[in-house]
Protein backbone atom coordinates (compact mmCIF):
# COMPACT_ATOMS: atom_id res chain seq x y z
CA UNK A 1 -3.27 39.63 -32.07
CA UNK A 2 -2.57 36.41 -30.26
CA UNK A 3 0.93 35.62 -31.47
CA UNK A 4 2.74 33.06 -29.29
CA UNK A 5 -0.09 32.82 -26.74
CA UNK A 6 -0.21 29.11 -26.05
CA UNK A 7 -2.51 28.86 -23.03
CA UNK A 8 -5.53 26.63 -23.60
CA UNK A 9 -8.30 28.30 -21.63
CA UNK A 10 -10.72 25.34 -21.40
CA UNK A 11 -13.61 27.83 -20.96
CA UNK A 12 -12.57 28.56 -17.37
CA UNK A 13 -11.26 31.51 -15.42
CA UNK A 14 -7.54 31.62 -14.67
CA UNK A 15 -7.94 30.47 -11.06
CA UNK A 16 -10.34 27.66 -11.99
CA UNK A 17 -8.01 26.49 -14.78
CA UNK A 18 -5.00 26.50 -12.44
CA UNK A 19 -6.90 24.44 -9.86
CA UNK A 20 -8.10 22.02 -12.52
CA UNK A 21 -4.59 21.47 -13.88
CA UNK A 22 -3.16 21.08 -10.37
CA UNK A 23 -5.80 18.44 -9.56
CA UNK A 24 -5.24 16.62 -12.85
CA UNK A 25 -1.46 16.66 -12.31
CA UNK A 26 -1.95 15.31 -8.78
CA UNK A 27 -4.17 12.52 -10.06
CA UNK A 28 -1.64 11.67 -12.76
CA UNK A 29 1.17 11.48 -10.19
CA UNK A 30 -0.95 9.40 -7.81
CA UNK A 31 -2.40 6.91 -10.29
CA UNK A 32 0.13 6.90 -13.13
CA UNK A 33 -2.57 7.26 -15.80
CA UNK A 34 -5.88 9.07 -15.97
CA UNK A 35 -8.80 9.12 -18.37
CA UNK A 36 -10.00 12.61 -19.24
CA UNK A 37 -11.11 14.69 -22.19
CA UNK A 38 -8.63 15.26 -24.98
CA UNK A 39 -8.52 19.03 -24.42
CA UNK A 40 -7.72 18.62 -20.72
CA UNK A 41 -5.06 16.01 -21.50
CA UNK A 42 -3.41 18.32 -24.01
CA UNK A 43 -3.48 21.17 -21.49
CA UNK A 44 -2.08 18.92 -18.75
CA UNK A 45 0.88 17.61 -20.74
CA UNK A 46 3.14 20.72 -20.48
CA UNK A 47 2.28 21.14 -16.79
CA UNK A 48 3.15 17.52 -15.98
CA UNK A 49 6.36 17.64 -17.97
CA UNK A 50 7.50 20.82 -16.21
CA UNK A 51 6.83 19.15 -12.85
CA UNK A 52 8.99 16.16 -13.83
CA UNK A 53 11.77 18.51 -14.97
CA UNK A 54 11.57 20.22 -11.55
CA UNK A 55 11.69 16.86 -9.81
CA UNK A 56 14.74 15.76 -11.78
CA UNK A 57 16.68 18.71 -10.31
CA UNK A 58 15.89 17.34 -6.82
CA UNK A 59 16.81 20.33 -4.69
CA UNK A 60 14.95 22.23 -1.99
CA UNK A 61 13.86 25.05 -4.26
CA UNK A 62 12.32 22.70 -6.83
CA UNK A 63 10.49 20.84 -4.04
CA UNK A 64 9.03 24.11 -2.78
CA UNK A 65 7.94 25.10 -6.27
CA UNK A 66 6.24 21.73 -6.72
CA UNK A 67 4.46 22.03 -3.36
CA UNK A 68 3.33 25.53 -4.29
CA UNK A 69 1.68 24.15 -7.42
CA UNK A 70 0.30 20.80 -6.16
CA UNK A 71 -0.53 21.76 -2.53
CA UNK A 72 0.01 18.16 -1.35
CA UNK A 73 3.32 17.07 0.15
CA UNK A 74 2.57 13.37 -0.33
CA UNK A 75 2.20 13.87 -4.09
CA UNK A 76 5.43 15.84 -4.21
CA UNK A 77 7.23 13.03 -2.37
CA UNK A 78 5.90 10.49 -4.87
CA UNK A 79 6.86 12.77 -7.78
CA UNK A 80 10.43 13.11 -6.52
CA UNK A 81 10.83 9.50 -5.34
CA UNK A 82 9.14 7.49 -8.11
CA UNK A 83 8.24 9.49 -11.21
CA UNK A 84 11.42 11.53 -11.67
CA UNK A 85 13.92 8.67 -11.14
CA UNK A 86 12.04 6.56 -13.71
CA UNK A 87 12.55 9.37 -16.25
CA UNK A 88 16.15 10.27 -15.39
CA UNK A 89 17.55 9.20 -18.79
CA UNK A 90 14.83 10.87 -20.84
CA UNK A 91 15.27 14.42 -22.14
CA UNK A 92 11.57 15.26 -22.33
CA UNK A 93 8.43 13.58 -23.57
CA UNK A 94 7.57 12.07 -20.19
CA UNK A 95 3.86 11.64 -20.95
CA UNK A 96 1.84 9.81 -23.58
CA UNK A 97 -1.66 10.75 -24.74
CA UNK A 98 -3.76 7.97 -26.26
CA UNK A 99 -7.04 8.91 -27.92
CA UNK A 100 -10.03 6.73 -26.99
CA UNK A 101 -12.88 8.03 -29.12
CA UNK A 102 -15.94 9.92 -27.97
CA UNK A 103 -17.85 9.74 -24.70
CA UNK A 104 -21.31 8.30 -25.20
CA UNK A 105 -23.19 10.89 -23.14
CA UNK A 106 -22.00 14.11 -24.77
CA UNK A 107 -19.67 12.99 -27.59
CA UNK A 108 -16.65 14.66 -25.97
CA UNK A 109 -13.35 13.28 -27.31
CA UNK A 110 -11.72 11.18 -24.57
CA UNK A 111 -8.07 10.30 -23.98
CA UNK A 112 -5.75 8.58 -21.54
CA UNK A 113 -2.66 10.43 -20.39
CA UNK A 114 0.06 8.37 -18.69
CA UNK A 115 3.74 8.40 -17.80
CA UNK A 116 5.80 6.78 -20.53
CA UNK A 117 8.55 5.32 -18.33
CA UNK A 118 6.28 4.01 -15.58
CA UNK A 119 4.07 2.20 -18.08
CA UNK A 120 7.13 0.54 -19.61
CA UNK A 121 8.57 -0.36 -16.17
CA UNK A 122 5.29 -1.94 -15.05
CA UNK A 123 5.08 -3.95 -18.27
CA UNK A 124 8.60 -5.32 -17.72
CA UNK A 125 8.05 -6.16 -14.03
CA UNK A 126 4.64 -7.78 -14.26
CA UNK A 127 4.84 -11.49 -14.98
CA UNK A 128 2.43 -12.70 -17.60
CA UNK A 129 -0.02 -15.21 -16.16
CA UNK A 130 -1.56 -17.79 -18.42
CA UNK A 131 -5.09 -18.58 -17.36
CA UNK A 132 -6.64 -21.72 -18.75
CA UNK A 133 -10.27 -21.27 -19.65
CA UNK A 134 -12.74 -24.06 -19.12
CA UNK A 135 -14.51 -25.14 -22.25
CA UNK A 136 -18.11 -24.02 -22.21
CA UNK A 137 -20.61 -26.88 -22.47
CA UNK A 138 -22.44 -27.21 -25.72
CA UNK A 139 -25.98 -25.76 -25.86
CA UNK A 140 -27.50 -29.26 -26.16
CA UNK A 141 -25.64 -30.38 -23.05
CA UNK A 142 -27.06 -27.39 -21.13
CA UNK A 143 -30.60 -28.24 -22.17
CA UNK A 144 -30.09 -31.89 -21.25
CA UNK A 145 -28.72 -30.91 -17.84
CA UNK A 146 -31.74 -28.66 -17.20
CA UNK A 147 -34.17 -31.44 -18.17
CA UNK A 148 -32.35 -33.89 -15.92
CA UNK A 149 -32.48 -31.44 -12.98
CA UNK A 150 -36.20 -30.79 -13.56
CA UNK A 151 -36.97 -34.53 -13.69
CA UNK A 152 -35.06 -35.18 -10.48
CA UNK A 153 -36.97 -32.33 -8.73
CA UNK A 154 -40.31 -33.80 -9.86
CA UNK A 155 -39.30 -37.30 -8.77
CA UNK A 156 -38.21 -36.14 -5.31
CA UNK A 157 -41.66 -34.82 -4.17
CA UNK A 158 -43.35 -37.97 -5.56
CA UNK A 159 -40.97 -40.18 -3.55
CA UNK A 160 -41.65 -38.15 -0.40
CA UNK A 161 -45.43 -38.45 -0.83
CA UNK A 162 -45.28 -42.24 -0.79
């Protein structure tokens, strides 16, 4: 029986799955959002949320546990300095999974997983720029311009020959 066995195996051995989740968690910490398959995103969510909970404690033991999982001190510094303080008022639910549809090559369901608080903070900080678009010339105007350019090119060699 498999009562209360919640590990998603992702068709990998235990060591391969642990490495995969550590790499995905590192990429999520580094970039803030990643695009991956839906199954990997769902498997990553509890791992990422446990790392943020560790980082919110902000003591030496939790840092060592995070380094033991991620293997990169720079990522742990970013986790403790940027990700955890952004989520200090939240009691869980630090990540958001957005479904994207299927990948064209193999029809695998794709998703984006991102930090909830960092996405909201970036949206508040970033000023909205209004870019004025130039009106595209009408198709007749394009054709007229091409004819005019062609006529001027034909007239130029004739003028040089004289």
